[in-house]
């Protein structure tokens, strides 16, 4: 993960249940971007929003991959994102 952001709108109390809504944002670069919306389950009020950006690393060297790995390209095809 190279970036994470959270914008707090309302507080929660211990024991509150939360609904997490995540959205994938397609991009050409070798990274995955998600946005999030968190709602308090009891009244469906928005309590937080945020984003994360995740990149791919070589499993052996832990160096940054500049191209999308084959498994991710295949997933994009299955999801009709290519």
N, C-alpha and C. Protein backbone atom coordinates (compact mmCIF):
# COMPACT_ATOMS: atom_id res chain seq x y z
N UNK A 1 0.85 -1.16 0.00
CA UNK A 1 0.00 0.00 0.00
C UNK A 1 0.90 1.23 0.00
N UNK A 2 0.62 2.14 -0.92
CA UNK A 2 1.44 3.34 -1.02
C UNK A 2 0.68 4.60 -0.61
N UNK A 3 -0.63 4.47 -0.46
CA UNK A 3 -1.41 5.62 -0.05
C UNK A 3 -2.67 5.13 0.66
N UNK A 4 -3.00 5.78 1.75
CA UNK A 4 -4.26 5.53 2.45
C UNK A 4 -4.76 6.84 3.00
N UNK A 5 -6.06 7.06 2.86
CA UNK A 5 -6.65 8.31 3.32
C UNK A 5 -7.99 7.98 3.96
N UNK A 6 -8.28 8.62 5.07
CA UNK A 6 -9.57 8.44 5.72
C UNK A 6 -10.08 9.80 6.17
N UNK A 7 -11.32 10.09 5.81
CA UNK A 7 -11.98 11.33 6.22
C UNK A 7 -13.12 10.97 7.16
N UNK A 8 -12.96 11.36 8.39
CA UNK A 8 -13.94 11.03 9.42
C UNK A 8 -15.08 12.04 9.42
N UNK A 9 -16.30 11.54 9.38
CA UNK A 9 -17.48 12.40 9.33
C UNK A 9 -18.23 12.42 10.66
N UNK A 10 -18.36 11.24 11.28
CA UNK A 10 -19.06 11.08 12.56
C UNK A 10 -18.34 10.03 13.38
N UNK A 11 -18.52 10.06 14.66
CA UNK A 11 -17.88 9.06 15.51
C UNK A 11 -18.77 7.83 15.66
N UNK A 12 -18.13 6.75 16.01
CA UNK A 12 -18.82 5.50 16.34
C UNK A 12 -18.52 5.18 17.79
N UNK A 13 -19.36 4.34 18.37
CA UNK A 13 -19.13 3.89 19.74
C UNK A 13 -18.82 2.40 19.71
N UNK A 14 -18.11 1.94 20.72
CA UNK A 14 -17.80 0.52 20.83
C UNK A 14 -19.10 -0.28 20.73
N UNK A 15 -19.09 -1.27 19.87
CA UNK A 15 -20.27 -2.11 19.69
C UNK A 15 -21.13 -1.72 18.50
N UNK A 16 -20.92 -0.52 17.94
CA UNK A 16 -21.67 -0.12 16.74
C UNK A 16 -21.27 -1.03 15.57
N UNK A 17 -22.24 -1.41 14.77
CA UNK A 17 -21.96 -2.17 13.56
C UNK A 17 -21.80 -1.20 12.40
N UNK A 18 -20.92 -1.57 11.46
CA UNK A 18 -20.58 -0.69 10.35
C UNK A 18 -20.78 -1.44 9.03
N UNK A 19 -21.30 -0.73 8.05
CA UNK A 19 -21.40 -1.25 6.68
C UNK A 19 -20.28 -0.59 5.89
N UNK A 20 -19.45 -1.41 5.24
CA UNK A 20 -18.34 -0.89 4.43
C UNK A 20 -18.68 -1.11 2.96
N UNK A 21 -18.70 -0.03 2.22
CA UNK A 21 -18.95 -0.08 0.78
C UNK A 21 -17.65 0.27 0.08
N UNK A 22 -17.14 -0.65 -0.74
CA UNK A 22 -15.89 -0.37 -1.45
C UNK A 22 -16.14 -0.35 -2.95
N UNK A 23 -15.40 0.50 -3.64
CA UNK A 23 -15.53 0.64 -5.09
C UNK A 23 -14.13 0.58 -5.71
N UNK A 24 -14.00 -0.29 -6.71
CA UNK A 24 -12.74 -0.40 -7.45
C UNK A 24 -12.74 0.66 -8.55
N UNK A 25 -11.61 1.35 -8.69
CA UNK A 25 -11.48 2.37 -9.73
C UNK A 25 -10.44 1.91 -10.75
N UNK A 26 -10.89 1.51 -11.94
CA UNK A 26 -9.97 1.01 -12.96
C UNK A 26 -8.96 2.08 -13.38
N UNK A 27 -7.74 1.63 -13.66
CA UNK A 27 -6.72 2.50 -14.21
C UNK A 27 -5.74 1.64 -15.00
N UNK A 28 -5.03 2.27 -15.91
CA UNK A 28 -4.08 1.54 -16.77
C UNK A 28 -2.79 1.19 -16.04
N UNK A 29 -2.41 1.97 -15.08
CA UNK A 29 -1.14 1.75 -14.37
C UNK A 29 -1.19 0.47 -13.55
N UNK A 30 -0.01 0.00 -13.15
CA UNK A 30 0.10 -1.23 -12.36
C UNK A 30 -0.19 -0.92 -10.89
N UNK A 31 -1.44 -0.61 -10.60
CA UNK A 31 -1.86 -0.33 -9.23
C UNK A 31 -3.35 -0.58 -9.11
N UNK A 32 -3.80 -0.68 -7.89
CA UNK A 32 -5.22 -0.89 -7.59
C UNK A 32 -5.67 0.27 -6.70
N UNK A 33 -6.76 0.91 -7.10
CA UNK A 33 -7.30 2.02 -6.32
C UNK A 33 -8.72 1.67 -5.88
N UNK A 34 -8.96 1.80 -4.59
CA UNK A 34 -10.29 1.60 -4.03
C UNK A 34 -10.73 2.86 -3.32
N UNK A 35 -12.02 3.13 -3.35
CA UNK A 35 -12.59 4.15 -2.48
C UNK A 35 -13.56 3.43 -1.53
N UNK A 36 -13.77 4.03 -0.39
CA UNK A 36 -14.58 3.41 0.65
C UNK A 36 -15.57 4.41 1.22
N UNK A 37 -16.72 3.89 1.61
CA UNK A 37 -17.72 4.66 2.34
C UNK A 37 -18.17 3.77 3.49
N UNK A 38 -18.13 4.28 4.69
CA UNK A 38 -18.53 3.52 5.87
C UNK A 38 -19.78 4.15 6.46
N UNK A 39 -20.75 3.31 6.74
CA UNK A 39 -22.04 3.75 7.27
C UNK A 39 -22.31 3.08 8.61
N UNK A 40 -22.89 3.82 9.53
CA UNK A 40 -23.36 3.23 10.78
C UNK A 40 -24.59 2.40 10.45
N UNK A 41 -24.57 1.14 10.80
CA UNK A 41 -25.65 0.23 10.41
C UNK A 41 -27.00 0.64 10.99
N UNK A 42 -27.02 1.14 12.19
CA UNK A 42 -28.29 1.44 12.86
C UNK A 42 -29.12 2.48 12.14
N UNK A 43 -28.47 3.53 11.62
CA UNK A 43 -29.25 4.60 10.99
C UNK A 43 -28.77 4.94 9.58
N UNK A 44 -27.84 4.15 9.06
CA UNK A 44 -27.30 4.33 7.70
C UNK A 44 -26.61 5.68 7.51
N UNK A 45 -26.18 6.32 8.58
CA UNK A 45 -25.48 7.60 8.45
C UNK A 45 -24.03 7.37 8.03
N UNK A 46 -23.53 8.26 7.19
CA UNK A 46 -22.16 8.19 6.71
C UNK A 46 -21.21 8.58 7.83
N UNK A 47 -20.26 7.69 8.15
CA UNK A 47 -19.33 7.99 9.24
C UNK A 47 -17.91 8.23 8.75
N UNK A 48 -17.56 7.73 7.54
CA UNK A 48 -16.21 7.97 7.03
C UNK A 48 -16.15 7.66 5.54
N UNK A 49 -15.21 8.32 4.88
CA UNK A 49 -14.90 8.02 3.47
C UNK A 49 -13.39 7.88 3.38
N UNK A 50 -12.93 7.22 2.33
CA UNK A 50 -11.49 7.09 2.19
C UNK A 50 -11.09 6.45 0.88
N UNK A 51 -9.79 6.36 0.67
CA UNK A 51 -9.23 5.71 -0.51
C UNK A 51 -7.96 4.98 -0.12
N UNK A 52 -7.61 3.96 -0.90
CA UNK A 52 -6.31 3.32 -0.80
C UNK A 52 -5.77 3.10 -2.20
N UNK A 53 -4.46 3.17 -2.32
CA UNK A 53 -3.77 2.84 -3.56
C UNK A 53 -2.75 1.76 -3.23
N UNK A 54 -2.82 0.67 -3.96
CA UNK A 54 -1.94 -0.46 -3.72
C UNK A 54 -1.18 -0.77 -5.01
N UNK A 55 0.08 -1.12 -4.87
CA UNK A 55 0.91 -1.43 -6.02
C UNK A 55 1.35 -2.90 -5.95
N UNK A 56 1.94 -3.36 -7.04
CA UNK A 56 2.42 -4.74 -7.11
C UNK A 56 3.93 -4.78 -6.91
N UNK A 57 4.37 -5.76 -6.12
CA UNK A 57 5.79 -5.97 -5.88
C UNK A 57 6.18 -7.36 -6.37
N UNK A 58 7.40 -7.49 -6.84
CA UNK A 58 7.93 -8.80 -7.19
C UNK A 58 8.00 -9.65 -5.93
N UNK A 59 7.50 -10.87 -5.97
CA UNK A 59 7.41 -11.69 -4.76
C UNK A 59 8.78 -12.08 -4.21
N UNK A 60 9.79 -12.14 -5.06
CA UNK A 60 11.12 -12.53 -4.59
C UNK A 60 11.98 -11.35 -4.19
N UNK A 61 11.99 -10.31 -5.00
CA UNK A 61 12.89 -9.17 -4.75
C UNK A 61 12.21 -8.01 -4.03
N UNK A 62 10.88 -8.04 -3.97
CA UNK A 62 10.10 -6.97 -3.34
C UNK A 62 10.29 -5.63 -4.04
N UNK A 63 10.68 -5.67 -5.33
CA UNK A 63 10.80 -4.43 -6.10
C UNK A 63 9.47 -4.12 -6.79
N UNK A 64 9.26 -2.86 -7.04
CA UNK A 64 8.02 -2.39 -7.66
C UNK A 64 7.90 -2.92 -9.08
N UNK A 65 6.72 -3.47 -9.42
CA UNK A 65 6.43 -3.90 -10.78
C UNK A 65 5.83 -2.73 -11.54
N UNK A 66 6.39 -2.44 -12.70
CA UNK A 66 5.90 -1.32 -13.49
C UNK A 66 4.81 -1.72 -14.47
N UNK A 67 4.63 -3.03 -14.66
CA UNK A 67 3.57 -3.54 -15.55
C UNK A 67 2.61 -4.39 -14.73
N UNK A 68 1.36 -4.42 -15.17
CA UNK A 68 0.38 -5.25 -14.48
C UNK A 68 0.77 -6.71 -14.57
N UNK A 69 0.76 -7.45 -13.45
CA UNK A 69 1.08 -8.86 -13.49
C UNK A 69 0.00 -9.65 -14.24
N UNK A 70 0.36 -10.80 -14.81
CA UNK A 70 -0.61 -11.58 -15.60
C UNK A 70 -1.90 -11.92 -14.85
N UNK A 71 -1.80 -12.28 -13.56
CA UNK A 71 -3.02 -12.65 -12.83
C UNK A 71 -3.99 -11.47 -12.74
N UNK A 72 -3.45 -10.23 -12.64
CA UNK A 72 -4.31 -9.06 -12.54
C UNK A 72 -4.95 -8.75 -13.88
N UNK A 73 -4.19 -8.89 -14.96
CA UNK A 73 -4.77 -8.71 -16.30
C UNK A 73 -5.88 -9.71 -16.55
N UNK A 74 -5.68 -10.96 -16.11
CA UNK A 74 -6.71 -11.99 -16.28
C UNK A 74 -7.96 -11.63 -15.46
N UNK A 75 -7.77 -11.14 -14.24
CA UNK A 75 -8.90 -10.74 -13.40
C UNK A 75 -9.67 -9.61 -14.08
N UNK A 76 -8.94 -8.63 -14.64
CA UNK A 76 -9.60 -7.52 -15.33
C UNK A 76 -10.42 -8.01 -16.51
N UNK A 77 -9.90 -9.00 -17.25
CA UNK A 77 -10.64 -9.57 -18.37
C UNK A 77 -11.92 -10.24 -17.87
N UNK A 78 -11.81 -11.00 -16.80
CA UNK A 78 -12.98 -11.69 -16.23
C UNK A 78 -14.04 -10.70 -15.77
N UNK A 79 -13.60 -9.56 -15.27
CA UNK A 79 -14.52 -8.54 -14.78
C UNK A 79 -14.97 -7.59 -15.89
N UNK A 80 -14.48 -7.84 -17.11
CA UNK A 80 -14.76 -7.01 -18.28
C UNK A 80 -14.32 -5.57 -18.05
N UNK A 81 -13.12 -5.43 -17.49
CA UNK A 81 -12.54 -4.11 -17.22
C UNK A 81 -11.48 -3.74 -18.24
N UNK A 82 -11.17 -4.64 -19.16
CA UNK A 82 -10.20 -4.35 -20.21
C UNK A 82 -10.90 -4.11 -21.52
